[in-house]
Amino acid sequence: MPRLKSAKKRMRQAKSRTALNRTQRSQLRTAVKRVRQATDDKARADALAVASKLLDRAGRKRLIHPNAAARQKSRLSRIK
């Protein structure tokens, strides 16, 4: 356990940010899975729009590397 006040605060912040990152990463993975599992073109286009938005945000917020987000978007858009 940290003794310093600032270290205790950092520990609290890390705990809350870890929880937030975990939920956002889970939402991102679910959205990508929905694109891959979509059967018809309309459902796939809708799922791709949602996943692209989440991937852009994740890259911008550094949840994942921006190049990884761009690569995933590119690969998802190529799936037929």
C-alpha atoms as a PDB file:
ATOM      1  CA  MET A   1       0.000   0.000   0.000  1.00  0.00           C
ATOM      2  CA  PRO A   2       1.249   3.465  -0.805  1.00  0.00           C
ATOM      3  CA  ARG A   3       1.975   5.826   2.037  1.00  0.00           C
ATOM      4  CA  LEU A   4       2.150   9.128   0.237  1.00  0.00           C
ATOM      5  CA  LYS A   5      -1.035  11.029  -0.437  1.00  0.00           C
ATOM      6  CA  SER A   6      -0.153  11.512  -4.095  1.00  0.00           C
ATOM      7  CA  ALA A   7       0.593   7.794  -4.526  1.00  0.00           C
ATOM      8  CA  LYS A   8      -2.780   6.905  -3.001  1.00  0.00           C
ATOM      9  CA  LYS A   9      -4.481   9.262  -5.433  1.00  0.00           C
ATOM     10  CA  ARG A  10      -2.608   7.751  -8.390  1.00  0.00           C
ATOM     11  CA  MET A  11      -3.724   4.313  -7.248  1.00  0.00           C
ATOM     12  CA  ARG A  12      -7.371   5.424  -7.123  1.00  0.00           C
ATOM     13  CA  GLN A  13      -7.091   7.022 -10.560  1.00  0.00           C
ATOM     14  CA  ALA A  14      -5.444   3.962 -12.058  1.00  0.00           C
ATOM     15  CA  LYS A  15      -8.181   1.724 -10.695  1.00  0.00           C
ATOM     16  CA  SER A  16     -10.994   3.816 -12.176  1.00  0.00           C
ATOM     17  CA  ARG A  17      -9.218   4.264 -15.521  1.00  0.00           C
ATOM     18  CA  THR A  18      -8.495   0.549 -15.759  1.00  0.00           C
ATOM     19  CA  ALA A  19     -12.203  -0.175 -15.328  1.00  0.00           C
ATOM     20  CA  LEU A  20     -13.112   2.392 -17.983  1.00  0.00           C
ATOM     21  CA  ASN A  21     -10.514   1.060 -20.427  1.00  0.00           C
ATOM     22  CA  ARG A  22     -11.732  -2.504 -19.873  1.00  0.00           C
ATOM     23  CA  THR A  23     -15.332  -1.597 -20.741  1.00  0.00           C
ATOM     24  CA  GLN A  24     -14.324   0.405 -23.810  1.00  0.00           C
ATOM     25  CA  ARG A  25     -12.037  -2.360 -25.070  1.00  0.00           C
ATOM     26  CA  SER A  26     -14.823  -4.893 -24.570  1.00  0.00           C
ATOM     27  CA  GLN A  27     -17.288  -2.737 -26.532  1.00  0.00           C
ATOM     28  CA  LEU A  28     -14.735  -2.388 -29.309  1.00  0.00           C
ATOM     29  CA  ARG A  29     -14.136  -6.137 -29.567  1.00  0.00           C
ATOM     30  CA  THR A  30     -17.872  -6.829 -29.578  1.00  0.00           C
ATOM     31  CA  ALA A  31     -18.421  -4.331 -32.385  1.00  0.00           C
ATOM     32  CA  VAL A  32     -15.659  -5.921 -34.482  1.00  0.00           C
ATOM     33  CA  LYS A  33     -17.154  -9.386 -33.911  1.00  0.00           C
ATOM     34  CA  ARG A  34     -20.566  -8.143 -35.041  1.00  0.00           C
ATOM     35  CA  VAL A  35     -19.069  -6.936 -38.320  1.00  0.00           C
ATOM     36  CA  ARG A  36     -17.476 -10.331 -38.935  1.00  0.00           C
ATOM     37  CA  GLN A  37     -20.662 -12.226 -38.058  1.00  0.00           C
ATOM     38  CA  ALA A  38     -23.063 -10.052 -40.071  1.00  0.00           C
ATOM     39  CA  THR A  39     -24.912 -12.015 -42.722  1.00  0.00           C
ATOM     40  CA  ASP A  40     -26.545  -9.531 -45.101  1.00  0.00           C
ATOM     41  CA  ASP A  41     -25.051  -6.372 -46.583  1.00  0.00           C
ATOM     42  CA  LYS A  42     -27.232  -3.870 -44.727  1.00  0.00           C
ATOM     43  CA  ALA A  43     -26.499  -5.344 -41.291  1.00  0.00           C
ATOM     44  CA  ARG A  44     -22.823  -5.511 -42.179  1.00  0.00           C
ATOM     45  CA  ALA A  45     -22.723  -1.879 -43.288  1.00  0.00           C
ATOM     46  CA  ASP A  46     -24.430  -0.753 -40.086  1.00  0.00           C
ATOM     47  CA  ALA A  47     -22.075  -2.831 -37.931  1.00  0.00           C
ATOM     48  CA  LEU A  48     -19.071  -1.538 -39.870  1.00  0.00           C
ATOM     49  CA  ALA A  49     -20.139   2.071 -39.274  1.00  0.00           C
ATOM     50  CA  VAL A  50     -20.392   1.463 -35.519  1.00  0.00           C
ATOM     51  CA  ALA A  51     -17.085  -0.419 -35.396  1.00  0.00           C
ATOM     52  CA  SER A  52     -15.295   2.253 -37.439  1.00  0.00           C
ATOM     53  CA  LYS A  53     -16.475   4.953 -35.078  1.00  0.00           C
ATOM     54  CA  LEU A  54     -15.317   2.977 -32.038  1.00  0.00           C
ATOM     55  CA  LEU A  55     -11.968   2.152 -33.668  1.00  0.00           C
ATOM     56  CA  ASP A  56     -11.367   5.811 -34.505  1.00  0.00           C
ATOM     57  CA  ARG A  57     -12.147   6.853 -30.957  1.00  0.00           C
ATOM     58  CA  ALA A  58      -9.978   4.090 -29.477  1.00  0.00           C
ATOM     59  CA  GLY A  59      -7.042   5.170 -31.632  1.00  0.00           C
ATOM     60  CA  ARG A  60      -7.521   8.824 -30.803  1.00  0.00           C
ATOM     61  CA  LYS A  61      -7.732   8.113 -27.061  1.00  0.00           C
ATOM     62  CA  ARG A  62      -4.728   5.726 -27.268  1.00  0.00           C
ATOM     63  CA  LEU A  63      -6.783   2.772 -26.043  1.00  0.00           C
ATOM     64  CA  ILE A  64      -5.134   0.971 -28.944  1.00  0.00           C
ATOM     65  CA  HIS A  65      -2.382   2.239 -31.216  1.00  0.00           C
ATOM     66  CA  PRO A  66      -3.731   4.515 -33.969  1.00  0.00           C
ATOM     67  CA  ASN A  67      -2.070   2.425 -36.675  1.00  0.00           C
ATOM     68  CA  ALA A  68      -3.685  -0.723 -35.246  1.00  0.00           C
ATOM     69  CA  ALA A  69      -7.074   1.005 -35.424  1.00  0.00           C
ATOM     70  CA  ALA A  70      -6.474   1.983 -39.057  1.00  0.00           C
ATOM     71  CA  ARG A  71      -5.325  -1.540 -39.906  1.00  0.00           C
ATOM     72  CA  GLN A  72      -8.403  -3.121 -38.318  1.00  0.00           C
ATOM     73  CA  LYS A  73     -10.724  -0.711 -40.134  1.00  0.00           C
ATOM     74  CA  SER A  74      -9.042  -1.518 -43.429  1.00  0.00           C
ATOM     75  CA  ARG A  75      -9.295  -5.268 -42.903  1.00  0.00           C
ATOM     76  CA  LEU A  76     -12.928  -5.075 -41.810  1.00  0.00           C
ATOM     77  CA  SER A  77     -13.881  -3.065 -44.866  1.00  0.00           C
ATOM     78  CA  ARG A  78     -12.308  -5.670 -47.171  1.00  0.00           C
ATOM     79  CA  ILE A  79     -14.372  -8.587 -45.785  1.00  0.00           C
ATOM     80  CA  LYS A  80     -17.107  -9.702 -48.148  1.00  0.00           C
END
